Amino acid sequence: MQVTTEAMIGTVNGALTAPRALLLGRYDQAGRLQYVGRSTKTVPGRQPGKPH
């Protein structure tokens, strides 16, 4: 079984042109963005969602 959820990119760790990781958040019931996790280390020159 696979469980998924939606999250927003709260910030980029590193330069926008060469991000190292993405910090993710979800809104709580009070409407505040709460940190929920981070992406794995990104691969330089690879766009998310594109095959490598």
Protein backbone atom coordinates (compact mmCIF):
# COMPACT_ATOMS: atom_id res chain seq x y z
CA MET A 1 0.00 0.00 0.00
CA GLN A 2 1.28 3.45 -0.90
CA VAL A 3 0.22 6.53 1.06
CA THR A 4 0.70 9.98 -0.45
CA THR A 5 0.08 13.52 0.70
CA GLU A 6 0.54 17.02 -0.66
CA ALA A 7 3.17 19.41 0.63
CA MET A 8 4.42 22.86 -0.33
CA ILE A 9 8.00 23.82 -0.93
CA GLY A 10 8.69 26.13 1.97
CA THR A 11 12.26 27.01 1.02
CA VAL A 12 15.21 25.92 -1.05
CA ASN A 13 18.43 24.90 0.68
CA GLY A 14 21.26 26.23 -1.49
CA ALA A 15 21.10 28.46 -4.54
CA LEU A 16 17.95 28.51 -6.67
CA THR A 17 20.06 27.60 -9.69
CA ALA A 18 21.68 24.66 -7.84
CA PRO A 19 19.47 23.62 -4.90
CA ARG A 20 20.84 21.03 -2.47
CA ALA A 21 17.46 20.11 -0.96
CA LEU A 22 13.88 21.34 -0.70
CA LEU A 23 12.29 21.94 2.71
CA LEU A 24 8.63 20.94 2.71
CA GLY A 25 5.66 22.11 4.75
CA ARG A 26 1.93 21.65 5.18
CA TYR A 27 -0.61 24.08 6.51
CA ASP A 28 -2.07 23.26 9.94
CA GLN A 29 -5.68 23.91 10.95
CA ALA A 30 -4.77 27.45 12.06
CA GLY A 31 -3.39 28.23 8.59
CA ARG A 32 0.30 28.23 9.60
CA LEU A 33 2.87 26.52 7.40
CA GLN A 34 4.53 23.76 9.45
CA TYR A 35 7.77 22.01 8.52
CA VAL A 36 7.18 18.33 7.69
CA GLY A 37 10.39 17.18 6.02
CA ARG A 38 12.94 17.62 3.29
CA SER A 39 13.77 16.13 -0.05
CA THR A 40 16.75 13.93 -0.65
CA LYS A 41 19.89 15.60 -1.94
CA THR A 42 19.19 16.94 -5.43
CA VAL A 43 21.24 15.99 -8.48
CA PRO A 44 22.92 18.99 -10.18
CA GLY A 45 21.48 19.69 -13.64
CA ARG A 46 18.50 17.36 -13.24
CA GLN A 47 15.01 18.84 -13.25
CA PRO A 48 12.43 17.24 -10.93
CA GLY A 49 10.00 15.01 -12.79
CA LYS A 50 12.32 14.52 -15.77
CA PRO A 51 13.82 11.08 -16.44
CA HIS A 52 17.58 10.86 -15.98
